[in-house]
Amino acid sequence: LLRWSARPAERFMWTAVSLTAISLVPHVS
């Protein structure tokens, strides 16, 4: 993201939140 994104910090935050949410799907389901 640092290399290819104009806003790496914002993109990293959204990526981390999204991956965390995906990791919780099996437990919630």
mmCIF file of all heavy atoms, coordinates in Angstrom:
data_MODEL
# 
_entry.id   MODEL 
# 
loop_
_atom_site.group_PDB 
_atom_site.id 
_atom_site.type_symbol 
_atom_site.label_atom_id 
_atom_site.label_alt_id 
_atom_site.label_comp_id 
_atom_site.label_asym_id 
_atom_site.label_entity_id 
_atom_site.label_seq_id 
_atom_site.pdbx_PDB_ins_code 
_atom_site.Cartn_x 
_atom_site.Cartn_y 
_atom_site.Cartn_z 
_atom_site.occupancy 
_atom_site.B_iso_or_equiv 
_atom_site.pdbx_formal_charge 
_atom_site.auth_seq_id 
_atom_site.auth_comp_id 
_atom_site.auth_asym_id 
_atom_site.auth_atom_id 
_atom_site.pdbx_PDB_model_num 
ATOM 1   N N   . LEU A 1 1  ? 0.824   -1.206  0.000  1.00 0.00 ? 1  LEU A N   1 
ATOM 2   C CA  . LEU A 1 1  ? 0.000   0.000   0.000  1.00 0.00 ? 1  LEU A CA  1 
ATOM 3   C C   . LEU A 1 1  ? 0.862   1.262   0.000  1.00 0.00 ? 1  LEU A C   1 
ATOM 4   O O   . LEU A 1 1  ? 0.500   2.256   -0.637 1.00 0.00 ? 1  LEU A O   1 
ATOM 5   C CB  . LEU A 1 1  ? -0.948  -0.006  1.196  1.00 0.00 ? 1  LEU A CB  1 
ATOM 6   C CG  . LEU A 1 1  ? -2.068  -1.049  1.128  1.00 0.00 ? 1  LEU A CG  1 
ATOM 7   C CD1 . LEU A 1 1  ? -2.851  -1.086  2.429  1.00 0.00 ? 1  LEU A CD1 1 
ATOM 8   C CD2 . LEU A 1 1  ? -2.995  -0.771  -0.037 1.00 0.00 ? 1  LEU A CD2 1 
ATOM 9   N N   . LEU A 1 2  ? 1.984   1.226   0.705  1.00 0.00 ? 2  LEU A N   1 
ATOM 10  C CA  . LEU A 1 2  ? 2.891   2.373   0.690  1.00 0.00 ? 2  LEU A CA  1 
ATOM 11  C C   . LEU A 1 2  ? 3.421   2.619   -0.715 1.00 0.00 ? 2  LEU A C   1 
ATOM 12  O O   . LEU A 1 2  ? 3.564   3.756   -1.153 1.00 0.00 ? 2  LEU A O   1 
ATOM 13  C CB  . LEU A 1 2  ? 4.063   2.136   1.655  1.00 0.00 ? 2  LEU A CB  1 
ATOM 14  C CG  . LEU A 1 2  ? 5.071   3.278   1.779  1.00 0.00 ? 2  LEU A CG  1 
ATOM 15  C CD1 . LEU A 1 2  ? 4.410   4.507   2.398  1.00 0.00 ? 2  LEU A CD1 1 
ATOM 16  C CD2 . LEU A 1 2  ? 6.262   2.839   2.618  1.00 0.00 ? 2  LEU A CD2 1 
ATOM 17  N N   . ARG A 1 3  ? 3.654   1.552   -1.420 1.00 0.00 ? 3  ARG A N   1 
ATOM 18  C CA  . ARG A 1 3  ? 4.209   1.657   -2.781 1.00 0.00 ? 3  ARG A CA  1 
ATOM 19  C C   . ARG A 1 3  ? 3.156   2.100   -3.797 1.00 0.00 ? 3  ARG A C   1 
ATOM 20  O O   . ARG A 1 3  ? 3.420   2.920   -4.653 1.00 0.00 ? 3  ARG A O   1 
ATOM 21  C CB  . ARG A 1 3  ? 4.808   0.299   -3.179 1.00 0.00 ? 3  ARG A CB  1 
ATOM 22  C CG  . ARG A 1 3  ? 5.218   0.156   -4.622 1.00 0.00 ? 3  ARG A CG  1 
ATOM 23  C CD  . ARG A 1 3  ? 6.429   1.034   -4.951 1.00 0.00 ? 3  ARG A CD  1 
ATOM 24  N NE  . ARG A 1 3  ? 6.868   0.832   -6.314 1.00 0.00 ? 3  ARG A NE  1 
ATOM 25  C CZ  . ARG A 1 3  ? 6.512   1.601   -7.330 1.00 0.00 ? 3  ARG A CZ  1 
ATOM 26  N NH1 . ARG A 1 3  ? 5.701   2.606   -7.146 1.00 0.00 ? 3  ARG A NH1 1 
ATOM 27  N NH2 . ARG A 1 3  ? 6.971   1.364   -8.539 1.00 0.00 ? 3  ARG A NH2 1 
ATOM 28  N N   . TRP A 1 4  ? 1.946   1.533   -3.727 1.00 0.00 ? 4  TRP A N   1 
ATOM 29  C CA  . TRP A 1 4  ? 0.979   1.722   -4.808 1.00 0.00 ? 4  TRP A CA  1 
ATOM 30  C C   . TRP A 1 4  ? -0.274  2.519   -4.447 1.00 0.00 ? 4  TRP A C   1 
ATOM 31  O O   . TRP A 1 4  ? -1.152  2.667   -5.282 1.00 0.00 ? 4  TRP A O   1 
ATOM 32  C CB  . TRP A 1 4  ? 0.565   0.361   -5.363 1.00 0.00 ? 4  TRP A CB  1 
ATOM 33  C CG  . TRP A 1 4  ? 1.678   -0.292  -6.121 1.00 0.00 ? 4  TRP A CG  1 
ATOM 34  C CD1 . TRP A 1 4  ? 2.301   0.177   -7.243 1.00 0.00 ? 4  TRP A CD1 1 
ATOM 35  C CD2 . TRP A 1 4  ? 2.301   -1.529  -5.820 1.00 0.00 ? 4  TRP A CD2 1 
ATOM 36  N NE1 . TRP A 1 4  ? 3.278   -0.696  -7.648 1.00 0.00 ? 4  TRP A NE1 1 
ATOM 37  C CE2 . TRP A 1 4  ? 3.293   -1.758  -6.792 1.00 0.00 ? 4  TRP A CE2 1 
ATOM 38  C CE3 . TRP A 1 4  ? 2.127   -2.490  -4.817 1.00 0.00 ? 4  TRP A CE3 1 
ATOM 39  C CZ2 . TRP A 1 4  ? 4.106   -2.879  -6.787 1.00 0.00 ? 4  TRP A CZ2 1 
ATOM 40  C CZ3 . TRP A 1 4  ? 2.936   -3.604  -4.816 1.00 0.00 ? 4  TRP A CZ3 1 
ATOM 41  C CH2 . TRP A 1 4  ? 3.914   -3.793  -5.793 1.00 0.00 ? 4  TRP A CH2 1 
ATOM 42  N N   . SER A 1 5  ? -0.397  2.995   -3.244 1.00 0.00 ? 5  SER A N   1 
ATOM 43  C CA  . SER A 1 5  ? -1.602  3.728   -2.872 1.00 0.00 ? 5  SER A CA  1 
ATOM 44  C C   . SER A 1 5  ? -1.279  5.194   -2.596 1.00 0.00 ? 5  SER A C   1 
ATOM 45  O O   . SER A 1 5  ? -0.222  5.514   -2.041 1.00 0.00 ? 5  SER A O   1 
ATOM 46  C CB  . SER A 1 5  ? -2.231  3.102   -1.619 1.00 0.00 ? 5  SER A CB  1 
ATOM 47  O OG  . SER A 1 5  ? -3.354  3.855   -1.207 1.00 0.00 ? 5  SER A OG  1 
ATOM 48  N N   . ALA A 1 6  ? -2.210  6.050   -2.959 1.00 0.00 ? 6  ALA A N   1 
ATOM 49  C CA  . ALA A 1 6  ? -2.043  7.477   -2.677 1.00 0.00 ? 6  ALA A CA  1 
ATOM 50  C C   . ALA A 1 6  ? -2.292  7.772   -1.199 1.00 0.00 ? 6  ALA A C   1 
ATOM 51  O O   . ALA A 1 6  ? -1.762  8.739   -0.657 1.00 0.00 ? 6  ALA A O   1 
ATOM 52  C CB  . ALA A 1 6  ? -3.001  8.295   -3.534 1.00 0.00 ? 6  ALA A CB  1 
ATOM 53  N N   . ARG A 1 7  ? -3.107  6.942   -0.548 1.00 0.00 ? 7  ARG A N   1 
ATOM 54  C CA  . ARG A 1 7  ? -3.420  7.113   0.875  1.00 0.00 ? 7  ARG A CA  1 
ATOM 55  C C   . ARG A 1 7  ? -3.198  5.781   1.597  1.00 0.00 ? 7  ARG A C   1 
ATOM 56  O O   . ARG A 1 7  ? -4.153  5.086   1.957  1.00 0.00 ? 7  ARG A O   1 
ATOM 57  C CB  . ARG A 1 7  ? -4.861  7.569   1.037  1.00 0.00 ? 7  ARG A CB  1 
ATOM 58  C CG  . ARG A 1 7  ? -5.128  8.920   0.393  1.00 0.00 ? 7  ARG A CG  1 
ATOM 59  C CD  . ARG A 1 7  ? -6.555  9.309   0.553  1.00 0.00 ? 7  ARG A CD  1 
ATOM 60  N NE  . ARG A 1 7  ? -7.424  8.233   0.053  1.00 0.00 ? 7  ARG A NE  1 
ATOM 61  C CZ  . ARG A 1 7  ? -8.577  8.424   -0.528 1.00 0.00 ? 7  ARG A CZ  1 
ATOM 62  N NH1 . ARG A 1 7  ? -9.025  9.625   -0.675 1.00 0.00 ? 7  ARG A NH1 1 
ATOM 63  N NH2 . ARG A 1 7  ? -9.293  7.415   -0.951 1.00 0.00 ? 7  ARG A NH2 1 
ATOM 64  N N   . PRO A 1 8  ? -1.943  5.382   1.833  1.00 0.00 ? 8  PRO A N   1 
ATOM 65  C CA  . PRO A 1 8  ? -1.659  4.058   2.376  1.00 0.00 ? 8  PRO A CA  1 
ATOM 66  C C   . PRO A 1 8  ? -2.213  3.825   3.780  1.00 0.00 ? 8  PRO A C   1 
ATOM 67  O O   . PRO A 1 8  ? -2.693  2.724   4.068  1.00 0.00 ? 8  PRO A O   1 
ATOM 68  C CB  . PRO A 1 8  ? -0.138  3.965   2.358  1.00 0.00 ? 8  PRO A CB  1 
ATOM 69  C CG  . PRO A 1 8  ? 0.354   5.361   2.250  1.00 0.00 ? 8  PRO A CG  1 
ATOM 70  C CD  . PRO A 1 8  ? -0.716  6.132   1.563  1.00 0.00 ? 8  PRO A CD  1 
ATOM 71  N N   . ALA A 1 9  ? -2.188  4.813   4.649  1.00 0.00 ? 9  ALA A N   1 
ATOM 72  C CA  . ALA A 1 9  ? -2.672  4.610   6.020  1.00 0.00 ? 9  ALA A CA  1 
ATOM 73  C C   . ALA A 1 9  ? -4.177  4.331   6.035  1.00 0.00 ? 9  ALA A C   1 
ATOM 74  O O   . ALA A 1 9  ? -4.651  3.419   6.723  1.00 0.00 ? 9  ALA A O   1 
ATOM 75  C CB  . ALA A 1 9  ? -2.347  5.827   6.884  1.00 0.00 ? 9  ALA A CB  1 
ATOM 76  N N   . GLU A 1 10 ? -4.915  5.106   5.259  1.00 0.00 ? 10 GLU A N   1 
ATOM 77  C CA  . GLU A 1 10 ? -6.369  4.911   5.189  1.00 0.00 ? 10 GLU A CA  1 
ATOM 78  C C   . GLU A 1 10 ? -6.704  3.553   4.565  1.00 0.00 ? 10 GLU A C   1 
ATOM 79  O O   . GLU A 1 10 ? -7.569  2.818   5.060  1.00 0.00 ? 10 GLU A O   1 
ATOM 80  C CB  . GLU A 1 10 ? -7.008  6.026   4.373  1.00 0.00 ? 10 GLU A CB  1 
ATOM 81  C CG  . GLU A 1 10 ? -8.509  5.929   4.280  1.00 0.00 ? 10 GLU A CG  1 
ATOM 82  C CD  . GLU A 1 10 ? -9.108  7.052   3.439  1.00 0.00 ? 10 GLU A CD  1 
ATOM 83  O OE1 . GLU A 1 10 ? -8.451  8.091   3.227  1.00 0.00 ? 10 GLU A OE1 1 
ATOM 84  O OE2 . GLU A 1 10 ? -10.253 6.869   2.980  1.00 0.00 ? 10 GLU A OE2 1 
ATOM 85  N N   . ARG A 1 11 ? -6.019  3.206   3.501  1.00 0.00 ? 11 ARG A N   1 
ATOM 86  C CA  . ARG A 1 11 ? -6.257  1.912   2.845  1.00 0.00 ? 11 ARG A CA  1 
ATOM 87  C C   . ARG A 1 11 ? -5.888  0.746   3.757  1.00 0.00 ? 11 ARG A C   1 
ATOM 88  O O   . ARG A 1 11 ? -6.567  -0.275  3.781  1.00 0.00 ? 11 ARG A O   1 
ATOM 89  C CB  . ARG A 1 11 ? -5.461  1.811   1.543  1.00 0.00 ? 11 ARG A CB  1 
ATOM 90  C CG  . ARG A 1 11 ? -5.847  2.818   0.520  1.00 0.00 ? 11 ARG A CG  1 
ATOM 91  C CD  . ARG A 1 11 ? -7.167  2.471   -0.120 1.00 0.00 ? 11 ARG A CD  1 
ATOM 92  N NE  . ARG A 1 11 ? -7.445  3.421   -1.176 1.00 0.00 ? 11 ARG A NE  1 
ATOM 93  C CZ  . ARG A 1 11 ? -8.610  4.021   -1.331 1.00 0.00 ? 11 ARG A CZ  1 
ATOM 94  N NH1 . ARG A 1 11 ? -9.604  3.742   -0.526 1.00 0.00 ? 11 ARG A NH1 1 
ATOM 95  N NH2 . ARG A 1 11 ? -8.790  4.875   -2.303 1.00 0.00 ? 11 ARG A NH2 1 
ATOM 96  N N   . PHE A 1 12 ? -4.806  0.893   4.522  1.00 0.00 ? 12 PHE A N   1 
ATOM 97  C CA  . PHE A 1 12 ? -4.413  -0.176  5.439  1.00 0.00 ? 12 PHE A CA  1 
ATOM 98  C C   . PHE A 1 12 ? -5.476  -0.378  6.515  1.00 0.00 ? 12 PHE A C   1 
ATOM 99  O O   . PHE A 1 12 ? -5.813  -1.507  6.865  1.00 0.00 ? 12 PHE A O   1 
ATOM 100 C CB  . PHE A 1 12 ? -3.053  0.107   6.094  1.00 0.00 ? 12 PHE A CB  1 
ATOM 101 C CG  . PHE A 1 12 ? -2.584  -1.020  6.962  1.00 0.00 ? 12 PHE A CG  1 
ATOM 102 C CD1 . PHE A 1 12 ? -1.940  -2.107  6.406  1.00 0.00 ? 12 PHE A CD1 1 
ATOM 103 C CD2 . PHE A 1 12 ? -2.805  -1.016  8.328  1.00 0.00 ? 12 PHE A CD2 1 
ATOM 104 C CE1 . PHE A 1 12 ? -1.525  -3.168  7.185  1.00 0.00 ? 12 PHE A CE1 1 
ATOM 105 C CE2 . PHE A 1 12 ? -2.397  -2.070  9.119  1.00 0.00 ? 12 PHE A CE2 1 
ATOM 106 C CZ  . PHE A 1 12 ? -1.752  -3.147  8.546  1.00 0.00 ? 12 PHE A CZ  1 
ATOM 107 N N   . MET A 1 13 ? -5.999  0.730   7.046  1.00 0.00 ? 13 MET A N   1 
ATOM 108 C CA  . MET A 1 13 ? -7.032  0.623   8.079  1.00 0.00 ? 13 MET A CA  1 
ATOM 109 C C   . MET A 1 13 ? -8.257  -0.113  7.545  1.00 0.00 ? 13 MET A C   1 
ATOM 110 O O   . MET A 1 13 ? -8.764  -1.027  8.188  1.00 0.00 ? 13 MET A O   1 
ATOM 111 C CB  . MET A 1 13 ? -7.422  2.023   8.578  1.00 0.00 ? 13 MET A CB  1 
ATOM 112 C CG  . MET A 1 13 ? -8.242  1.994   9.840  1.00 0.00 ? 13 MET A CG  1 
ATOM 113 S SD  . MET A 1 13 ? -10.006 2.391   9.743  1.00 0.00 ? 13 MET A SD  1 
ATOM 114 C CE  . MET A 1 13 ? -10.201 3.523   8.462  1.00 0.00 ? 13 MET A CE  1 
ATOM 115 N N   . TRP A 1 14 ? -8.707  0.256   6.347  1.00 0.00 ? 14 TRP A N   1 
ATOM 116 C CA  . TRP A 1 14 ? -9.875  -0.409  5.776  1.00 0.00 ? 14 TRP A CA  1 
ATOM 117 C C   . TRP A 1 14 ? -9.585  -1.876  5.446  1.00 0.00 ? 14 TRP A C   1 
ATOM 118 O O   . TRP A 1 14 ? -10.441 -2.745  5.621  1.00 0.00 ? 14 TRP A O   1 
ATOM 119 C CB  . TRP A 1 14 ? -10.361 0.329   4.530  1.00 0.00 ? 14 TRP A CB  1 
ATOM 120 C CG  . TRP A 1 14 ? -11.160 1.544   4.904  1.00 0.00 ? 14 TRP A CG  1 
ATOM 121 C CD1 . TRP A 1 14 ? -10.789 2.838   4.746  1.00 0.00 ? 14 TRP A CD1 1 
ATOM 122 C CD2 . TRP A 1 14 ? -12.441 1.564   5.536  1.00 0.00 ? 14 TRP A CD2 1 
ATOM 123 N NE1 . TRP A 1 14 ? -11.770 3.671   5.241  1.00 0.00 ? 14 TRP A NE1 1 
ATOM 124 C CE2 . TRP A 1 14 ? -12.804 2.906   5.735  1.00 0.00 ? 14 TRP A CE2 1 
ATOM 125 C CE3 . TRP A 1 14 ? -13.321 0.572   5.964  1.00 0.00 ? 14 TRP A CE3 1 
ATOM 126 C CZ2 . TRP A 1 14 ? -13.989 3.295   6.322  1.00 0.00 ? 14 TRP A CZ2 1 
ATOM 127 C CZ3 . TRP A 1 14 ? -14.518 0.964   6.553  1.00 0.00 ? 14 TRP A CZ3 1 
ATOM 128 C CH2 . TRP A 1 14 ? -14.834 2.306   6.726  1.00 0.00 ? 14 TRP A CH2 1 
ATOM 129 N N   . THR A 1 15 ? -8.379  -2.166  5.002  1.00 0.00 ? 15 THR A N   1 
ATOM 130 C CA  . THR A 1 15 ? -8.001  -3.552  4.716  1.00 0.00 ? 15 THR A CA  1 
ATOM 131 C C   . THR A 1 15 ? -7.982  -4.373  5.991  1.00 0.00 ? 15 THR A C   1 
ATOM 132 O O   . THR A 1 15 ? -8.503  -5.497  6.032  1.00 0.00 ? 15 THR A O   1 
ATOM 133 C CB  . THR A 1 15 ? -6.618  -3.599  4.032  1.00 0.00 ? 15 THR A CB  1 
ATOM 134 O OG1 . THR A 1 15 ? -6.674  -2.829  2.832  1.00 0.00 ? 15 THR A OG1 1 
ATOM 135 C CG2 . THR A 1 15 ? -6.201  -5.014  3.709  1.00 0.00 ? 15 THR A CG2 1 
ATOM 136 N N   . ALA A 1 16 ? -7.397  -3.828  7.051  1.00 0.00 ? 16 ALA A N   1 
ATOM 137 C CA  . ALA A 1 16 ? -7.332  -4.550  8.332  1.00 0.00 ? 16 ALA A CA  1 
ATOM 138 C C   . ALA A 1 16 ? -8.719  -4.789  8.908  1.00 0.00 ? 16 ALA A C   1 
ATOM 139 O O   . ALA A 1 16 ? -9.022  -5.895  9.383  1.00 0.00 ? 16 ALA A O   1 
ATOM 140 C CB  . ALA A 1 16 ? -6.468  -3.766  9.319  1.00 0.00 ? 16 ALA A CB  1 
ATOM 141 N N   . VAL A 1 17 ? -9.577  -3.788  8.859  1.00 0.00 ? 17 VAL A N   1 
ATOM 142 C CA  . VAL A 1 17 ? -10.945 -3.948  9.367  1.00 0.00 ? 17 VAL A CA  1 
ATOM 143 C C   . VAL A 1 17 ? -11.701 -4.991  8.544  1.00 0.00 ? 17 VAL A C   1 
ATOM 144 O O   . VAL A 1 17 ? -12.391 -5.856  9.098  1.00 0.00 ? 17 VAL A O   1 
ATOM 145 C CB  . VAL A 1 17 ? -11.691 -2.589  9.371  1.00 0.00 ? 17 VAL A CB  1 
ATOM 146 C CG1 . VAL A 1 17 ? -13.178 -2.771  9.623  1.00 0.00 ? 17 VAL A CG1 1 
ATOM 147 C CG2 . VAL A 1 17 ? -11.083 -1.666  10.420 1.00 0.00 ? 17 VAL A CG2 1 
ATOM 148 N N   . SER A 1 18 ? -11.557 -4.939  7.234  1.00 0.00 ? 18 SER A N   1 
ATOM 149 C CA  . SER A 1 18 ? -12.242 -5.901  6.360  1.00 0.00 ? 18 SER A CA  1 
ATOM 150 C C   . SER A 1 18 ? -11.765 -7.325  6.612  1.00 0.00 ? 18 SER A C   1 
ATOM 151 O O   . SER A 1 18 ? -12.572 -8.258  6.718  1.00 0.00 ? 18 SER A O   1 
ATOM 152 C CB  . SER A 1 18 ? -12.020 -5.546  4.887  1.00 0.00 ? 18 SER A CB  1 
ATOM 153 O OG  . SER A 1 18 ? -12.514 -4.275  4.615  1.00 0.00 ? 18 SER A OG  1 
ATOM 154 N N   . LEU A 1 19 ? -10.455 -7.522  6.713  1.00 0.00 ? 19 LEU A N   1 
ATOM 155 C CA  . LEU A 1 19 ? -9.928  -8.868  6.954  1.00 0.00 ? 19 LEU A CA  1 
ATOM 156 C C   . LEU A 1 19 ? -10.320 -9.386  8.332  1.00 0.00 ? 19 LEU A C   1 
ATOM 157 O O   . LEU A 1 19 ? -10.596 -10.575 8.501  1.00 0.00 ? 19 LEU A O   1 
ATOM 158 C CB  . LEU A 1 19 ? -8.405  -8.880  6.778  1.00 0.00 ? 19 LEU A CB  1 
ATOM 159 C CG  . LEU A 1 19 ? -7.911  -8.686  5.351  1.00 0.00 ? 19 LEU A CG  1 
ATOM 160 C CD1 . LEU A 1 19 ? -6.398  -8.561  5.324  1.00 0.00 ? 19 LEU A CD1 1 
ATOM 161 C CD2 . LEU A 1 19 ? -8.384  -9.817  4.449  1.00 0.00 ? 19 LEU A CD2 1 
ATOM 162 N N   . THR A 1 20 ? -10.385 -8.493  9.323  1.00 0.00 ? 20 THR A N   1 
ATOM 163 C CA  . THR A 1 20 ? -10.843 -8.898  10.653 1.00 0.00 ? 20 THR A CA  1 
ATOM 164 C C   . THR A 1 20 ? -12.305 -9.327  10.600 1.00 0.00 ? 20 THR A C   1 
ATOM 165 O O   . THR A 1 20 ? -12.679 -10.352 11.179 1.00 0.00 ? 20 THR A O   1 
ATOM 166 C CB  . THR A 1 20 ? -10.651 -7.753  11.666 1.00 0.00 ? 20 THR A CB  1 
ATOM 167 O OG1 . THR A 1 20 ? -9.268  -7.408  11.703 1.00 0.00 ? 20 THR A OG1 1 
ATOM 168 C CG2 . THR A 1 20 ? -11.116 -8.157  13.050 1.00 0.00 ? 20 THR A CG2 1 
ATOM 169 N N   . ALA A 1 21 ? -13.129 -8.572  9.912  1.00 0.00 ? 21 ALA A N   1 
ATOM 170 C CA  . ALA A 1 21 ? -14.548 -8.931  9.781  1.00 0.00 ? 21 ALA A CA  1 
ATOM 171 C C   . ALA A 1 21 ? -14.710 -10.275 9.078  1.00 0.00 ? 21 ALA A C   1 
ATOM 172 O O   . ALA A 1 21 ? -15.509 -11.119 9.502  1.00 0.00 ? 21 ALA A O   1 
ATOM 173 C CB  . ALA A 1 21 ? -15.297 -7.840  9.029  1.00 0.00 ? 21 ALA A CB  1 
ATOM 174 N N   . ILE A 1 22 ? -13.932 -10.486 8.021  1.00 0.00 ? 22 ILE A N   1 
ATOM 175 C CA  . ILE A 1 22 ? -14.006 -11.773 7.306  1.00 0.00 ? 22 ILE A CA  1 
ATOM 176 C C   . ILE A 1 22 ? -13.581 -12.918 8.211  1.00 0.00 ? 22 ILE A C   1 
ATOM 177 O O   . ILE A 1 22 ? -14.164 -14.005 8.171  1.00 0.00 ? 22 ILE A O   1 
ATOM 178 C CB  . ILE A 1 22 ? -13.140 -11.709 6.021  1.00 0.00 ? 22 ILE A CB  1 
ATOM 179 C CG1 . ILE A 1 22 ? -13.791 -10.774 5.004  1.00 0.00 ? 22 ILE A CG1 1 
ATOM 180 C CG2 . ILE A 1 22 ? -12.930 -13.093 5.429  1.00 0.00 ? 22 ILE A CG2 1 
ATOM 181 C CD1 . ILE A 1 22 ? -12.895 -10.435 3.824  1.00 0.00 ? 22 ILE A CD1 1 
ATOM 182 N N   . SER A 1 23 ? -12.588 -12.692 9.047  1.00 0.00 ? 23 SER A N   1 
ATOM 183 C CA  . SER A 1 23 ? -12.115 -13.764 9.935  1.00 0.00 ? 23 SER A CA  1 
ATOM 184 C C   . SER A 1 23 ? -13.156 -14.132 10.993 1.00 0.00 ? 23 SER A C   1 
ATOM 185 O O   . SER A 1 23 ? -13.121 -15.233 11.539 1.00 0.00 ? 23 SER A O   1 
ATOM 186 C CB  . SER A 1 23 ? -10.812 -13.365 10.617 1.00 0.00 ? 23 SER A CB  1 
ATOM 187 O OG  . SER A 1 23 ? -11.036 -12.426 11.652 1.00 0.00 ? 23 SER A OG  1 
ATOM 188 N N   . LEU A 1 24 ? -14.072 -13.228 11.288 1.00 0.00 ? 24 LEU A N   1 
ATOM 189 C CA  . LEU A 1 24 ? -15.106 -13.501 12.292 1.00 0.00 ? 24 LEU A CA  1 
ATOM 190 C C   . LEU A 1 24 ? -16.325 -14.206 11.716 1.00 0.00 ? 24 LEU A C   1 
ATOM 191 O O   . LEU A 1 24 ? -17.148 -14.720 12.467 1.00 0.00 ? 24 LEU A O   1 
ATOM 192 C CB  . LEU A 1 24 ? -15.540 -12.195 12.963 1.00 0.00 ? 24 LEU A CB  1 
ATOM 193 C CG  . LEU A 1 24 ? -14.461 -11.476 13.765 1.00 0.00 ? 24 LEU A CG  1 
ATOM 194 C CD1 . LEU A 1 24 ? -14.986 -10.137 14.260 1.00 0.00 ? 24 LEU A CD1 1 
ATOM 195 C CD2 . LEU A 1 24 ? -13.962 -12.320 14.912 1.00 0.00 ? 24 LEU A CD2 1 
ATOM 196 N N   . VAL A 1 25 ? -16.460 -14.249 10.393 1.00 0.00 ? 25 VAL A N   1 
ATOM 197 C CA  . VAL A 1 25 ? -17.637 -14.841 9.755  1.00 0.00 ? 25 VAL A CA  1 
ATOM 198 C C   . VAL A 1 25 ? -17.890 -16.284 10.203 1.00 0.00 ? 25 VAL A C   1 
ATOM 199 O O   . VAL A 1 25 ? -19.015 -16.620 10.562 1.00 0.00 ? 25 VAL A O   1 
ATOM 200 C CB  . VAL A 1 25 ? -17.562 -14.724 8.217  1.00 0.00 ? 25 VAL A CB  1 
ATOM 201 C CG1 . VAL A 1 25 ? -18.609 -15.578 7.531  1.00 0.00 ? 25 VAL A CG1 1 
ATOM 202 C CG2 . VAL A 1 25 ? -17.709 -13.277 7.811  1.00 0.00 ? 25 VAL A CG2 1 
ATOM 203 N N   . PRO A 1 26 ? -16.895 -17.178 10.219 1.00 0.00 ? 26 PRO A N   1 
ATOM 204 C CA  . PRO A 1 26 ? -17.190 -18.557 10.644 1.00 0.00 ? 26 PRO A CA  1 
ATOM 205 C C   . PRO A 1 26 ? -17.732 -18.626 12.075 1.00 0.00 ? 26 PRO A C   1 
ATOM 206 O O   . PRO A 1 26 ? -18.608 -19.436 12.372 1.00 0.00 ? 26 PRO A O   1 
ATOM 207 C CB  . PRO A 1 26 ? -15.840 -19.271 10.544 1.00 0.00 ? 26 PRO A CB  1 
ATOM 208 C CG  . PRO A 1 26 ? -15.056 -18.479 9.585  1.00 0.00 ? 26 PRO A CG  1 
ATOM 209 C CD  . PRO A 1 26 ? -15.511 -17.057 9.757  1.00 0.00 ? 26 PRO A CD  1 
ATOM 210 N N   . HIS A 1 27 ? -17.243 -17.761 12.969 1.00 0.00 ? 27 HIS A N   1 
ATOM 211 C CA  . HIS A 1 27 ? -17.699 -17.794 14.354 1.00 0.00 ? 27 HIS A CA  1 
ATOM 212 C C   . HIS A 1 27 ? -19.120 -17.268 14.494 1.00 0.00 ? 27 HIS A C   1 
ATOM 213 O O   . HIS A 1 27 ? -19.909 -17.791 15.265 1.00 0.00 ? 27 HIS A O   1 
ATOM 214 C CB  . HIS A 1 27 ? -16.751 -16.983 15.238 1.00 0.00 ? 27 HIS A CB  1 
ATOM 215 C CG  . HIS A 1 27 ? -15.334 -17.433 15.138 1.00 0.00 ? 27 HIS A CG  1 
ATOM 216 N ND1 . HIS A 1 27 ? -14.914 -18.639 15.646 1.00 0.00 ? 27 HIS A ND1 1 
ATOM 217 C CD2 . HIS A 1 27 ? -14.252 -16.866 14.565 1.00 0.00 ? 27 HIS A CD2 1 
ATOM 218 C CE1 . HIS A 1 27 ? -13.626 -18.786 15.399 1.00 0.00 ? 27 HIS A CE1 1 
ATOM 219 N NE2 . HIS A 1 27 ? -13.197 -17.726 14.739 1.00 0.00 ? 27 HIS A NE2 1 
ATOM 220 N N   . VAL A 1 28 ? -19.439 -16.244 13.745 1.00 0.00 ? 28 VAL A N   1 
ATOM 221 C CA  . VAL A 1 28 ? -20.769 -15.650 13.816 1.00 0.00 ? 28 VAL A CA  1 
ATOM 222 C C   . VAL A 1 28 ? -21.789 -16.545 13.121 1.00 0.00 ? 28 VAL A C   1 
ATOM 223 O O   . VAL A 1 28 ? -22.932 -16.653 13.557 1.00 0.00 ? 28 VAL A O   1 
ATOM 224 C CB  . VAL A 1 28 ? -20.755 -14.237 13.180 1.00 0.00 ? 28 VAL A CB  1 
ATOM 225 C CG1 . VAL A 1 28 ? -22.149 -13.668 13.077 1.00 0.00 ? 28 VAL A CG1 1 
ATOM 226 C CG2 . VAL A 1 28 ? -19.859 -13.315 13.977 1.00 0.00 ? 28 VAL A CG2 1 
ATOM 227 N N   . SER A 1 29 ? -21.370 -17.235 12.061 1.00 0.00 ? 29 SER A N   1 
ATOM 228 C CA  . SER A 1 29 ? -22.308 -18.040 11.302 1.00 0.00 ? 29 SER A CA  1 
ATOM 229 C C   . SER A 1 29 ? -22.671 -19.353 11.999 1.00 0.00 ? 29 SER A C   1 
ATOM 230 O O   . SER A 1 29 ? -23.657 -19.979 11.627 1.00 0.00 ? 29 SER A O   1 
ATOM 231 C CB  . SER A 1 29 ? -21.759 -18.332 9.908  1.00 0.00 ? 29 SER A CB  1 
ATOM 232 O OG  . SER A 1 29 ? -20.613 -19.147 9.993  1.00 0.00 ? 29 SER A OG  1 
# 
